[in-house]
Amino acid sequence: MGRLSIGKRNRIHSLIQEGFPSRFIASREKVAQSTIIRIKQKVEATGS
């Protein structure tokens, strides 16, 4: 599967910052939960 668009990545980042669960974000944005977890780990490690 291809890369996430900038817009989708920004929406996911916003939802993570708002505290939504990974499963909810994955369902809403139609991506794998593992993708959300990977992005969440990067956000926690780098703060961005």
N, C-alpha and C. Protein backbone atom coordinates (compact mmCIF):
# COMPACT_ATOMS: atom_id res chain seq x y z
N MET A 1 0.84 -1.18 0.00
CA MET A 1 0.00 0.00 0.00
C MET A 1 0.88 1.24 0.00
N GLY A 2 0.37 2.33 -0.57
CA GLY A 2 1.15 3.55 -0.70
C GLY A 2 1.24 4.34 0.59
N ARG A 3 1.92 5.45 0.47
CA ARG A 3 2.10 6.33 1.62
C ARG A 3 0.82 7.07 1.94
N LEU A 4 0.75 7.55 3.16
CA LEU A 4 -0.40 8.36 3.57
C LEU A 4 -0.24 9.76 3.00
N SER A 5 -1.36 10.36 2.62
CA SER A 5 -1.31 11.73 2.15
C SER A 5 -0.98 12.65 3.33
N ILE A 6 -0.50 13.82 3.02
CA ILE A 6 -0.18 14.80 4.06
C ILE A 6 -1.43 15.12 4.87
N GLY A 7 -2.56 15.28 4.20
CA GLY A 7 -3.81 15.61 4.88
C GLY A 7 -4.24 14.52 5.84
N LYS A 8 -4.15 13.27 5.40
CA LYS A 8 -4.54 12.15 6.26
C LYS A 8 -3.60 12.05 7.46
N ARG A 9 -2.32 12.21 7.21
CA ARG A 9 -1.34 12.16 8.30
C ARG A 9 -1.61 13.27 9.32
N ASN A 10 -1.95 14.46 8.83
CA ASN A 10 -2.27 15.58 9.74
C ASN A 10 -3.52 15.30 10.55
N ARG A 11 -4.55 14.70 9.92
CA ARG A 11 -5.77 14.35 10.65
C ARG A 11 -5.47 13.32 11.73
N ILE A 12 -4.67 12.31 11.38
CA ILE A 12 -4.30 11.28 12.34
C ILE A 12 -3.54 11.91 13.51
N HIS A 13 -2.59 12.77 13.20
CA HIS A 13 -1.80 13.44 14.23
C HIS A 13 -2.71 14.23 15.17
N SER A 14 -3.68 14.95 14.61
CA SER A 14 -4.61 15.73 15.42
C SER A 14 -5.44 14.83 16.33
N LEU A 15 -5.93 13.72 15.78
CA LEU A 15 -6.74 12.79 16.58
C LEU A 15 -5.92 12.17 17.71
N ILE A 16 -4.65 11.88 17.43
CA ILE A 16 -3.77 11.35 18.47
C ILE A 16 -3.61 12.38 19.58
N GLN A 17 -3.36 13.63 19.19
CA GLN A 17 -3.18 14.70 20.18
C GLN A 17 -4.43 14.91 21.02
N GLU A 18 -5.61 14.68 20.42
CA GLU A 18 -6.87 14.83 21.14
C GLU A 18 -7.17 13.65 22.05
N GLY A 19 -6.36 12.58 21.94
CA GLY A 19 -6.49 11.46 22.86
C GLY A 19 -7.40 10.33 22.41
N PHE A 20 -7.77 10.31 21.14
CA PHE A 20 -8.64 9.23 20.66
C PHE A 20 -7.86 7.91 20.61
N PRO A 21 -8.54 6.78 20.86
CA PRO A 21 -7.87 5.47 20.81
C PRO A 21 -7.44 5.09 19.39
N SER A 22 -6.39 4.30 19.31
CA SER A 22 -5.85 3.87 18.02
C SER A 22 -6.90 3.18 17.16
N ARG A 23 -7.70 2.33 17.77
CA ARG A 23 -8.72 1.58 17.02
C ARG A 23 -9.72 2.54 16.37
N PHE A 24 -10.14 3.56 17.11
CA PHE A 24 -11.09 4.54 16.59
C PHE A 24 -10.49 5.30 15.41
N ILE A 25 -9.25 5.76 15.58
CA ILE A 25 -8.59 6.52 14.52
C ILE A 25 -8.42 5.66 13.27
N ALA A 26 -7.99 4.41 13.45
CA ALA A 26 -7.79 3.51 12.31
C ALA A 26 -9.10 3.30 11.56
N SER A 27 -10.17 3.10 12.29
CA SER A 27 -11.47 2.89 11.66
C SER A 27 -11.93 4.14 10.92
N ARG A 28 -11.79 5.27 11.55
CA ARG A 28 -12.24 6.54 10.97
C ARG A 28 -11.46 6.89 9.70
N GLU A 29 -10.15 6.70 9.74
CA GLU A 29 -9.30 7.08 8.61
C GLU A 29 -9.05 5.94 7.63
N LYS A 30 -9.62 4.77 7.91
CA LYS A 30 -9.51 3.60 7.02
C LYS A 30 -8.05 3.21 6.75
N VAL A 31 -7.30 3.10 7.84
CA VAL A 31 -5.93 2.60 7.78
C VAL A 31 -5.77 1.52 8.84
N ALA A 32 -4.70 0.75 8.75
CA ALA A 32 -4.45 -0.31 9.72
C ALA A 32 -4.13 0.27 11.09
N GLN A 33 -4.55 -0.44 12.12
CA GLN A 33 -4.28 0.02 13.48
C GLN A 33 -2.77 0.08 13.73
N SER A 34 -2.02 -0.81 13.10
CA SER A 34 -0.56 -0.80 13.27
C SER A 34 0.05 0.50 12.74
N THR A 35 -0.56 1.07 11.70
CA THR A 35 -0.11 2.35 11.17
C THR A 35 -0.29 3.44 12.21
N ILE A 36 -1.44 3.44 12.87
CA ILE A 36 -1.72 4.45 13.89
C ILE A 36 -0.75 4.29 15.05
N ILE A 37 -0.51 3.05 15.47
CA ILE A 37 0.40 2.80 16.58
C ILE A 37 1.81 3.29 16.23
N ARG A 38 2.25 3.04 15.01
CA ARG A 38 3.58 3.48 14.57
C ARG A 38 3.68 5.01 14.60
N ILE A 39 2.64 5.70 14.10
CA ILE A 39 2.64 7.16 14.12
C ILE A 39 2.62 7.66 15.56
N LYS A 40 1.81 7.01 16.40
CA LYS A 40 1.70 7.40 17.82
C LYS A 40 3.05 7.26 18.52
N GLN A 41 3.78 6.19 18.24
CA GLN A 41 5.10 6.00 18.84
C GLN A 41 6.07 7.08 18.39
N LYS A 42 6.00 7.46 17.13
CA LYS A 42 6.87 8.52 16.62
C LYS A 42 6.54 9.85 17.30
N VAL A 43 5.25 10.13 17.46
CA VAL A 43 4.82 11.37 18.11
C VAL A 43 5.35 11.40 19.55
N GLU A 44 5.23 10.29 20.26
CA GLU A 44 5.69 10.24 21.65
C GLU A 44 7.20 10.38 21.75
N ALA A 45 7.93 9.82 20.78
CA ALA A 45 9.39 9.85 20.82
C ALA A 45 9.95 11.23 20.45
N THR A 46 9.31 11.87 19.47
CA THR A 46 9.86 13.13 18.95
C THR A 46 9.07 14.35 19.37
N GLY A 47 7.84 14.14 19.77
CA GLY A 47 7.00 15.27 20.13
C GLY A 47 6.38 15.96 18.93
N SER A 48 6.54 15.35 17.75
CA SER A 48 5.92 15.94 16.55
C SER A 48 5.44 14.86 15.61
